[in-house]
């Protein structure tokens, strides 16, 4: 899962909402810019940290899935090897 653009998408969405609310309220330019800057800064910082933790969680989950896949492949190979040995000894499958 590509989570790299997540912080900027959330930040831009929050800034859009902040701008719309400020326009509806009819606030002055100084307050408008202050709200926009604070919203952008807070949301970007918070979601950047969340993105780091999300990536670490996904990386750990991916490694666990790879280990499980390797174990399943190893078990399957062992079963196939055991079946082939039985067939080489002249035993019939039922």
PDB file of N, CA and C in Angstrom:
ATOM      1  N   UNK A   1       0.845  -1.174   0.000  1.00  0.00           N
ATOM      2  CA  UNK A   1       0.000   0.000   0.000  1.00  0.00           C
ATOM      3  C   UNK A   1       0.890   1.236   0.000  1.00  0.00           C
ATOM      4  N   UNK A   2       0.638   2.137  -0.933  1.00  0.00           N
ATOM      5  CA  UNK A   2       1.419   3.356  -1.046  1.00  0.00           C
ATOM      6  C   UNK A   2       0.830   4.422  -0.129  1.00  0.00           C
ATOM      7  N   UNK A   3       1.515   4.701   0.974  1.00  0.00           N
ATOM      8  CA  UNK A   3       1.008   5.672   1.941  1.00  0.00           C
ATOM      9  C   UNK A   3       1.754   6.993   1.878  1.00  0.00           C
ATOM     10  N   UNK A   4       2.666   7.142   0.928  1.00  0.00           N
ATOM     11  CA  UNK A   4       3.471   8.356   0.853  1.00  0.00           C
ATOM     12  C   UNK A   4       2.629   9.623   0.671  1.00  0.00           C
ATOM     13  N   UNK A   5       1.622   9.656  -0.201  1.00  0.00           N
ATOM     14  CA  UNK A   5       0.855  10.894  -0.389  1.00  0.00           C
ATOM     15  C   UNK A   5      -0.227  11.136   0.669  1.00  0.00           C
ATOM     16  N   UNK A   6      -0.391  10.232   1.611  1.00  0.00           N
ATOM     17  CA  UNK A   6      -1.465  10.351   2.604  1.00  0.00           C
ATOM     18  C   UNK A   6      -1.414  11.649   3.419  1.00  0.00           C
ATOM     19  N   UNK A   7      -0.262  12.046   3.984  1.00  0.00           N
ATOM     20  CA  UNK A   7      -0.247  13.284   4.782  1.00  0.00           C
ATOM     21  C   UNK A   7      -0.629  14.524   3.977  1.00  0.00           C
ATOM     22  N   UNK A   8      -0.161  14.636   2.756  1.00  0.00           N
ATOM     23  CA  UNK A   8      -0.449  15.830   1.977  1.00  0.00           C
ATOM     24  C   UNK A   8      -1.906  15.867   1.530  1.00  0.00           C
ATOM     25  N   UNK A   9      -2.486  14.711   1.242  1.00  0.00           N
ATOM     26  CA  UNK A   9      -3.893  14.672   0.846  1.00  0.00           C
ATOM     27  C   UNK A   9      -4.780  15.099   2.015  1.00  0.00           C
ATOM     28  N   UNK A  10      -4.509  14.577   3.189  1.00  0.00           N
ATOM     29  CA  UNK A  10      -5.298  14.941   4.370  1.00  0.00           C
ATOM     30  C   UNK A  10      -5.101  16.419   4.707  1.00  0.00           C
ATOM     31  N   UNK A  11      -3.857  16.890   4.610  1.00  0.00           N
ATOM     32  CA  UNK A  11      -3.566  18.293   4.905  1.00  0.00           C
ATOM     33  C   UNK A  11      -4.301  19.224   3.939  1.00  0.00           C
ATOM     34  N   UNK A  12      -4.254  18.921   2.668  1.00  0.00           N
ATOM     35  CA  UNK A  12      -4.938  19.774   1.690  1.00  0.00           C
ATOM     36  C   UNK A  12      -6.451  19.754   1.889  1.00  0.00           C
ATOM     37  N   UNK A  13      -6.995  18.616   2.248  1.00  0.00           N
ATOM     38  CA  UNK A  13      -8.435  18.526   2.516  1.00  0.00           C
ATOM     39  C   UNK A  13      -8.803  19.370   3.734  1.00  0.00           C
ATOM     40  N   UNK A  14      -8.008  19.293   4.782  1.00  0.00           N
ATOM     41  CA  UNK A  14      -8.265  20.093   5.985  1.00  0.00           C
ATOM     42  C   UNK A  14      -8.144  21.583   5.681  1.00  0.00           C
ATOM     43  N   UNK A  15      -7.161  21.953   4.876  1.00  0.00           N
ATOM     44  CA  UNK A  15      -6.993  23.362   4.506  1.00  0.00           C
ATOM     45  C   UNK A  15      -8.161  23.858   3.663  1.00  0.00           C
ATOM     46  N   UNK A  16      -8.663  23.024   2.780  1.00  0.00           N
ATOM     47  CA  UNK A  16      -9.825  23.402   1.974  1.00  0.00           C
ATOM     48  C   UNK A  16     -11.026  23.661   2.869  1.00  0.00           C
ATOM     49  N   UNK A  17     -11.252  22.778   3.816  1.00  0.00           N
ATOM     50  CA  UNK A  17     -12.377  22.957   4.748  1.00  0.00           C
ATOM     51  C   UNK A  17     -12.178  24.218   5.573  1.00  0.00           C
ATOM     52  N   UNK A  18     -10.953  24.447   6.028  1.00  0.00           N
ATOM     53  CA  UNK A  18     -10.652  25.650   6.805  1.00  0.00           C
ATOM     54  C   UNK A  18     -10.914  26.913   5.984  1.00  0.00           C
ATOM     55  N   UNK A  19     -10.521  26.907   4.727  1.00  0.00           N
ATOM     56  CA  UNK A  19     -10.740  28.065   3.852  1.00  0.00           C
ATOM     57  C   UNK A  19     -12.227  28.311   3.626  1.00  0.00           C
ATOM     58  N   UNK A  20     -12.975  27.250   3.375  1.00  0.00           N
ATOM     59  CA  UNK A  20     -14.409  27.396   3.140  1.00  0.00           C
ATOM     60  C   UNK A  20     -15.096  27.956   4.381  1.00  0.00           C
ATOM     61  N   UNK A  21     -14.756  27.446   5.548  1.00  0.00           N
ATOM     62  CA  UNK A  21     -15.347  27.939   6.789  1.00  0.00           C
ATOM     63  C   UNK A  21     -14.990  29.406   7.006  1.00  0.00           C
ATOM     64  N   UNK A  22     -13.730  29.761   6.756  1.00  0.00           N
ATOM     65  CA  UNK A  22     -13.308  31.147   6.930  1.00  0.00           C
ATOM     66  C   UNK A  22     -14.033  32.083   5.973  1.00  0.00           C
ATOM     67  N   UNK A  23     -14.248  31.644   4.740  1.00  0.00           N
ATOM     68  CA  UNK A  23     -14.965  32.467   3.757  1.00  0.00           C
ATOM     69  C   UNK A  23     -16.424  32.645   4.168  1.00  0.00           C
ATOM     70  N   UNK A  24     -17.046  31.552   4.630  1.00  0.00           N
ATOM     71  CA  UNK A  24     -18.447  31.627   5.060  1.00  0.00           C
ATOM     72  C   UNK A  24     -18.593  32.570   6.254  1.00  0.00           C
ATOM     73  N   UNK A  25     -17.630  32.513   7.179  1.00  0.00           N
ATOM     74  CA  UNK A  25     -17.683  33.388   8.347  1.00  0.00           C
ATOM     75  C   UNK A  25     -17.332  34.834   8.013  1.00  0.00           C
ATOM     76  N   UNK A  26     -16.690  35.063   6.883  1.00  0.00           N
ATOM     77  CA  UNK A  26     -16.322  36.404   6.475  1.00  0.00           C
ATOM     78  C   UNK A  26     -15.223  37.016   7.321  1.00  0.00           C
ATOM     79  N   UNK A  27     -14.235  36.213   7.703  1.00  0.00           N
ATOM     80  CA  UNK A  27     -13.151  36.704   8.552  1.00  0.00           C
ATOM     81  C   UNK A  27     -12.192  37.564   7.743  1.00  0.00           C
ATOM     82  N   UNK A  28     -11.377  38.330   8.440  1.00  0.00           N
ATOM     83  CA  UNK A  28     -10.381  39.178   7.796  1.00  0.00           C
ATOM     84  C   UNK A  28      -9.242  38.351   7.225  1.00  0.00           C
ATOM     85  N   UNK A  29      -8.444  39.033   6.390  1.00  0.00           N
ATOM     86  CA  UNK A  29      -7.357  38.347   5.695  1.00  0.00           C
ATOM     87  C   UNK A  29      -6.327  37.777   6.664  1.00  0.00           C
ATOM     88  N   UNK A  30      -5.988  38.524   7.688  1.00  0.00           N
ATOM     89  CA  UNK A  30      -4.988  38.085   8.646  1.00  0.00           C
ATOM     90  C   UNK A  30      -5.441  36.805   9.373  1.00  0.00           C
ATOM     91  N   UNK A  31      -6.665  36.776   9.818  1.00  0.00           N
ATOM     92  CA  UNK A  31      -7.209  35.587  10.486  1.00  0.00           C
ATOM     93  C   UNK A  31      -7.302  34.427   9.491  1.00  0.00           C
ATOM     94  N   UNK A  32      -7.694  34.716   8.268  1.00  0.00           N
ATOM     95  CA  UNK A  32      -7.800  33.698   7.220  1.00  0.00           C
ATOM     96  C   UNK A  32      -6.451  32.999   7.010  1.00  0.00           C
ATOM     97  N   UNK A  33      -5.405  33.810   6.843  1.00  0.00           N
ATOM     98  CA  UNK A  33      -4.065  33.256   6.604  1.00  0.00           C
ATOM     99  C   UNK A  33      -3.559  32.500   7.831  1.00  0.00           C
ATOM    100  N   UNK A  34      -3.844  33.031   9.021  1.00  0.00           N
ATOM    101  CA  UNK A  34      -3.413  32.364  10.250  1.00  0.00           C
ATOM    102  C   UNK A  34      -4.075  30.996  10.386  1.00  0.00           C
ATOM    103  N   UNK A  35      -5.372  30.933  10.152  1.00  0.00           N
ATOM    104  CA  UNK A  35      -6.084  29.643  10.219  1.00  0.00           C
ATOM    105  C   UNK A  35      -5.524  28.649   9.205  1.00  0.00           C
ATOM    106  N   UNK A  36      -5.286  29.155   8.002  1.00  0.00           N
ATOM    107  CA  UNK A  36      -4.766  28.288   6.942  1.00  0.00           C
ATOM    108  C   UNK A  36      -3.397  27.729   7.316  1.00  0.00           C
ATOM    109  N   UNK A  37      -2.505  28.601   7.803  1.00  0.00           N
ATOM    110  CA  UNK A  37      -1.142  28.181   8.151  1.00  0.00           C
ATOM    111  C   UNK A  37      -1.142  27.192   9.319  1.00  0.00           C
ATOM    112  N   UNK A  38      -1.933  27.486  10.343  1.00  0.00           N
ATOM    113  CA  UNK A  38      -1.989  26.594  11.506  1.00  0.00           C
ATOM    114  C   UNK A  38      -2.576  25.234  11.104  1.00  0.00           C
ATOM    115  N   UNK A  39      -3.635  25.276  10.317  1.00  0.00           N
ATOM    116  CA  UNK A  39      -4.250  24.018   9.855  1.00  0.00           C
ATOM    117  C   UNK A  39      -3.260  23.195   9.049  1.00  0.00           C
ATOM    118  N   UNK A  40      -2.569  23.831   8.125  1.00  0.00           N
ATOM    119  CA  UNK A  40      -1.609  23.118   7.285  1.00  0.00           C
ATOM    120  C   UNK A  40      -0.485  22.527   8.131  1.00  0.00           C
ATOM    121  N   UNK A  41       0.057  23.305   9.027  1.00  0.00           N
ATOM    122  CA  UNK A  41       1.175  22.846   9.850  1.00  0.00           C
ATOM    123  C   UNK A  41       0.772  21.687  10.761  1.00  0.00           C
ATOM    124  N   UNK A  42      -0.327  21.847  11.467  1.00  0.00           N
ATOM    125  CA  UNK A  42      -0.756  20.819  12.428  1.00  0.00           C
ATOM    126  C   UNK A  42      -1.092  19.508  11.718  1.00  0.00           C
ATOM    127  N   UNK A  43      -1.910  19.581  10.683  1.00  0.00           N
ATOM    128  CA  UNK A  43      -2.308  18.347  10.005  1.00  0.00           C
ATOM    129  C   UNK A  43      -1.132  17.663   9.324  1.00  0.00           C
ATOM    130  N   UNK A  44      -0.236  18.440   8.731  1.00  0.00           N
ATOM    131  CA  UNK A  44       0.907  17.814   8.063  1.00  0.00           C
ATOM    132  C   UNK A  44       1.824  17.107   9.060  1.00  0.00           C
ATOM    133  N   UNK A  45       2.110  17.757  10.175  1.00  0.00           N
ATOM    134  CA  UNK A  45       2.989  17.150  11.176  1.00  0.00           C
ATOM    135  C   UNK A  45       2.351  15.889  11.766  1.00  0.00           C
ATOM    136  N   UNK A  46       1.084  15.978  12.153  1.00  0.00           N
ATOM    137  CA  UNK A  46       0.409  14.829  12.771  1.00  0.00           C
ATOM    138  C   UNK A  46       0.345  13.647  11.804  1.00  0.00           C
ATOM    139  N   UNK A  47      -0.062  13.904  10.563  1.00  0.00           N
ATOM    140  CA  UNK A  47      -0.208  12.793   9.632  1.00  0.00           C
ATOM    141  C   UNK A  47       1.129  12.292   9.099  1.00  0.00           C
ATOM    142  N   UNK A  48       2.171  13.102   9.168  1.00  0.00           N
ATOM    143  CA  UNK A  48       3.501  12.596   8.817  1.00  0.00           C
ATOM    144  C   UNK A  48       3.963  11.567   9.848  1.00  0.00           C
ATOM    145  N   UNK A  49       3.742  11.871  11.139  1.00  0.00           N
ATOM    146  CA  UNK A  49       4.083  10.899  12.179  1.00  0.00           C
ATOM    147  C   UNK A  49       3.238   9.635  12.051  1.00  0.00           C
ATOM    148  N   UNK A  50       1.955   9.799  11.806  1.00  0.00           N
ATOM    149  CA  UNK A  50       1.089   8.626  11.632  1.00  0.00           C
ATOM    150  C   UNK A  50       1.532   7.799  10.432  1.00  0.00           C
ATOM    151  N   UNK A  51       1.974   8.456   9.391  1.00  0.00           N
ATOM    152  CA  UNK A  51       2.432   7.759   8.194  1.00  0.00           C
ATOM    153  C   UNK A  51       3.666   6.908   8.495  1.00  0.00           C
ATOM    154  N   UNK A  52       4.575   7.419   9.316  1.00  0.00           N
ATOM    155  CA  UNK A  52       5.773   6.660   9.699  1.00  0.00           C
ATOM    156  C   UNK A  52       5.369   5.388  10.443  1.00  0.00           C
ATOM    157  N   UNK A  53       4.468   5.532  11.418  1.00  0.00           N
ATOM    158  CA  UNK A  53       4.029   4.360  12.183  1.00  0.00           C
ATOM    159  C   UNK A  53       3.239   3.390  11.307  1.00  0.00           C
ATOM    160  N   UNK A  54       2.451   3.905  10.398  1.00  0.00           N
ATOM    161  CA  UNK A  54       1.681   3.054   9.497  1.00  0.00           C
ATOM    162  C   UNK A  54       2.611   2.259   8.592  1.00  0.00           C
ATOM    163  N   UNK A  55       3.642   2.904   8.067  1.00  0.00           N
ATOM    164  CA  UNK A  55       4.600   2.205   7.207  1.00  0.00           C
ATOM    165  C   UNK A  55       5.351   1.122   7.968  1.00  0.00           C
ATOM    166  N   UNK A  56       5.724   1.402   9.220  1.00  0.00           N
ATOM    167  CA  UNK A  56       6.414   0.383  10.021  1.00  0.00           C
ATOM    168  C   UNK A  56       5.487  -0.801  10.294  1.00  0.00           C
ATOM    169  N   UNK A  57       4.229  -0.524  10.591  1.00  0.00           N
ATOM    170  CA  UNK A  57       3.264  -1.594  10.825  1.00  0.00           C
ATOM    171  C   UNK A  57       3.044  -2.440   9.592  1.00  0.00           C
ATOM    172  N   UNK A  58       2.945  -1.797   8.438  1.00  0.00           N
ATOM    173  CA  UNK A  58       2.756  -2.540   7.196  1.00  0.00           C
ATOM    174  C   UNK A  58       3.989  -3.351   6.838  1.00  0.00           C
ATOM    175  N   UNK A  59       5.178  -2.823   7.151  1.00  0.00           N
ATOM    176  CA  UNK A  59       6.417  -3.538   6.872  1.00  0.00           C
ATOM    177  C   UNK A  59       6.508  -4.792   7.733  1.00  0.00           C
ATOM    178  N   UNK A  60       6.158  -4.685   9.006  1.00  0.00           N
ATOM    179  CA  UNK A  60       6.185  -5.845   9.900  1.00  0.00           C
ATOM    180  C   UNK A  60       5.173  -6.894   9.435  1.00  0.00           C
ATOM    181  N   UNK A  61       3.976  -6.437   9.054  1.00  0.00           N
ATOM    182  CA  UNK A  61       2.949  -7.357   8.573  1.00  0.00           C
ATOM    183  C   UNK A  61       3.406  -8.049   7.294  1.00  0.00           C
ATOM    184  N   UNK A  62       4.054  -7.310   6.418  1.00  0.00           N
ATOM    185  CA  UNK A  62       4.538  -7.878   5.157  1.00  0.00           C
ATOM    186  C   UNK A  62       5.601  -8.944   5.419  1.00  0.00           C
ATOM    187  N   UNK A  63       6.500  -8.675   6.365  1.00  0.00           N
ATOM    188  CA  UNK A  63       7.533  -9.649   6.713  1.00  0.00           C
ATOM    189  C   UNK A  63       6.916 -10.915   7.297  1.00  0.00           C
ATOM    190  N   UNK A  64       5.889 -10.771   8.130  1.00  0.00           N
ATOM    191  CA  UNK A  64       5.225 -11.945   8.704  1.00  0.00           C
ATOM    192  C   UNK A  64       4.550 -12.773   7.623  1.00  0.00           C
ATOM    193  N   UNK A  65       3.913 -12.102   6.660  1.00  0.00           N
ATOM    194  CA  UNK A  65       3.270 -12.826   5.568  1.00  0.00           C
ATOM    195  C   UNK A  65       4.294 -13.564   4.719  1.00  0.00           C
ATOM    196  N   UNK A  66       5.445 -12.941   4.488  1.00  0.00           N
ATOM    197  CA  UNK A  66       6.499 -13.604   3.720  1.00  0.00           C
ATOM    198  C   UNK A  66       7.011 -14.839   4.453  1.00  0.00           C
ATOM    199  N   UNK A  67       7.169 -14.751   5.778  1.00  0.00           N
ATOM    200  CA  UNK A  67       7.610 -15.904   6.555  1.00  0.00           C
ATOM    201  C   UNK A  67       6.596 -17.039   6.471  1.00  0.00           C
ATOM    202  N   UNK A  68       5.299 -16.699   6.570  1.00  0.00           N
ATOM    203  CA  UNK A  68       4.257 -17.719   6.482  1.00  0.00           C
ATOM    204  C   UNK A  68       4.262 -18.368   5.108  1.00  0.00           C
ATOM    205  N   UNK A  69       4.430 -17.561   4.060  1.00  0.00           N
ATOM    206  CA  UNK A  69       4.483 -18.106   2.704  1.00  0.00           C
ATOM    207  C   UNK A  69       5.673 -19.038   2.538  1.00  0.00           C
ATOM    208  N   UNK A  70       6.829 -18.647   3.077  1.00  0.00           N
ATOM    209  CA  UNK A  70       8.016 -19.502   2.994  1.00  0.00           C
ATOM    210  C   UNK A  70       7.800 -20.821   3.713  1.00  0.00           C
ATOM    211  N   UNK A  71       7.154 -20.769   4.881  1.00  0.00           N
ATOM    212  CA  UNK A  71       6.879 -21.993   5.632  1.00  0.00           C
ATOM    213  C   UNK A  71       5.916 -22.892   4.872  1.00  0.00           C
ATOM    214  N   UNK A  72       4.895 -22.302   4.260  1.00  0.00           N
ATOM    215  CA  UNK A  72       3.931 -23.089   3.491  1.00  0.00           C
ATOM    216  C   UNK A  72       4.601 -23.735   2.289  1.00  0.00           C
ATOM    217  N   UNK A  73       5.473 -23.004   1.621  1.00  0.00           N
ATOM    218  CA  UNK A  73       6.184 -23.555   0.466  1.00  0.00           C
ATOM    219  C   UNK A  73       7.092 -24.695   0.918  1.00  0.00           C
ATOM    220  N   UNK A  74       7.758 -24.517   2.046  1.00  0.00           N
ATOM    221  CA  UNK A  74       8.648 -25.546   2.568  1.00  0.00           C
ATOM    222  C   UNK A  74       7.863 -26.804   2.925  1.00  0.00           C
ATOM    223  N   UNK A  75       6.713 -26.640   3.556  1.00  0.00           N
ATOM    224  CA  UNK A  75       5.870 -27.788   3.915  1.00  0.00           C
ATOM    225  C   UNK A  75       5.385 -28.496   2.661  1.00  0.00           C
ATOM    226  N   UNK A  76       4.965 -27.724   1.675  1.00  0.00           N
ATOM    227  CA  UNK A  76       4.480 -28.308   0.416  1.00  0.00           C
ATOM    228  C   UNK A  76       5.592 -29.065  -0.283  1.00  0.00           C
ATOM    229  N   UNK A  77       6.805 -28.497  -0.293  1.00  0.00           N
ATOM    230  CA  UNK A  77       7.938 -29.181  -0.930  1.00  0.00           C
ATOM    231  C   UNK A  77       8.256 -30.481  -0.197  1.00  0.00           C
ATOM    232  N   UNK A  78       8.182 -30.463   1.125  1.00  0.00           N
ATOM    233  CA  UNK A  78       8.452 -31.679   1.898  1.00  0.00           C
ATOM    234  C   UNK A  78       7.408 -32.751   1.618  1.00  0.00           C
ATOM    235  N   UNK A  79       6.148 -32.355   1.498  1.00  0.00           N
ATOM    236  CA  UNK A  79       5.084 -33.313   1.201  1.00  0.00           C
ATOM    237  C   UNK A  79       5.273 -33.900  -0.192  1.00  0.00           C
ATOM    238  N   UNK A  80       5.633 -33.059  -1.137  1.00  0.00           N
ATOM    239  CA  UNK A  80       5.844 -33.540  -2.507  1.00  0.00           C
ATOM    240  C   UNK A  80       7.032 -34.485  -2.563  1.00  0.00           C
ATOM    241  N   UNK A  81       8.083 -34.176  -1.840  1.00  0.00           N
ATOM    242  CA  UNK A  81       9.260 -35.033  -1.810  1.00  0.00           C
ATOM    243  C   UNK A  81       8.911 -36.379  -1.184  1.00  0.00           C
ATOM    244  N   UNK A  82       8.131 -36.364  -0.127  1.00  0.00           N
ATOM    245  CA  UNK A  82       7.718 -37.606   0.528  1.00  0.00           C
ATOM    246  C   UNK A  82       6.850 -38.447  -0.381  1.00  0.00           C
ATOM    247  N   UNK A  83       5.953 -37.860  -1.153  1.00  0.00           N
ATOM    248  CA  UNK A  83       5.099 -38.592  -2.075  1.00  0.00           C
ATOM    249  C   UNK A  83       5.919 -39.195  -3.202  1.00  0.00           C
ATOM    250  N   UNK A  84       6.909 -38.449  -3.676  1.00  0.00           N
ATOM    251  CA  UNK A  84       7.728 -38.955  -4.772  1.00  0.00           C
ATOM    252  C   UNK A  84       8.551 -40.152  -4.319  1.00  0.00           C
ATOM    253  N   UNK A  85       9.064 -40.114  -3.092  1.00  0.00           N
ATOM    254  CA  UNK A  85       9.845 -41.238  -2.581  1.00  0.00           C
ATOM    255  C   UNK A  85       8.974 -42.481  -2.477  1.00  0.00           C
ATOM    256  N   UNK A  86       7.723 -42.322  -2.048  1.00  0.00           N
ATOM    257  CA  UNK A  86       6.812 -43.446  -1.925  1.00  0.00           C
ATOM    258  C   UNK A  86       6.537 -44.056  -3.301  1.00  0.00           C
ATOM    259  N   UNK A  87       6.415 -43.229  -4.309  1.00  0.00           N
ATOM    260  CA  UNK A  87       6.169 -43.729  -5.654  1.00  0.00           C
ATOM    261  C   UNK A  87       7.387 -44.437  -6.224  1.00  0.00           C
ATOM    262  N   UNK A  88       8.587 -43.995  -5.858  1.00  0.00           N
ATOM    263  CA  UNK A  88       9.802 -44.632  -6.364  1.00  0.00           C
ATOM    264  C   UNK A  88       9.984 -46.040  -5.788  1.00  0.00           C
ATOM    265  N   UNK A  89       9.436 -46.309  -4.622  1.00  0.00           N
ATOM    266  CA  UNK A  89       9.568 -47.613  -3.987  1.00  0.00           C
ATOM    267  C   UNK A  89       8.548 -48.596  -4.494  1.00  0.00           C
ATOM    268  N   UNK A  90       7.740 -48.194  -5.454  1.00  0.00           N
ATOM    269  CA  UNK A  90       6.765 -49.093  -6.033  1.00  0.00           C
ATOM    270  C   UNK A  90       5.421 -49.082  -5.330  1.00  0.00           C
ATOM    271  N   UNK A  91       5.220 -48.173  -4.391  1.00  0.00           N
ATOM    272  CA  UNK A  91       3.943 -48.107  -3.695  1.00  0.00           C
ATOM    273  C   UNK A  91       2.936 -47.387  -4.585  1.00  0.00           C
ATOM    274  N   UNK A  92       1.702 -47.836  -4.533  1.00  0.00           N
ATOM    275  CA  UNK A  92       0.653 -47.217  -5.337  1.00  0.00           C
ATOM    276  C   UNK A  92      -0.131 -46.228  -4.489  1.00  0.00           C
ATOM    277  N   UNK A  93      -0.617 -45.161  -5.140  1.00  0.00           N
ATOM    278  CA  UNK A  93      -1.457 -44.191  -4.448  1.00  0.00           C
ATOM    279  C   UNK A  93      -2.902 -44.659  -4.515  1.00  0.00           C
ATOM    280  N   UNK A  94      -3.650 -44.380  -3.480  1.00  0.00           N
ATOM    281  CA  UNK A  94      -5.061 -44.763  -3.466  1.00  0.00           C
ATOM    282  C   UNK A  94      -5.931 -43.550  -3.505  1.00  0.00           C
TER     283      UNK A  94
END
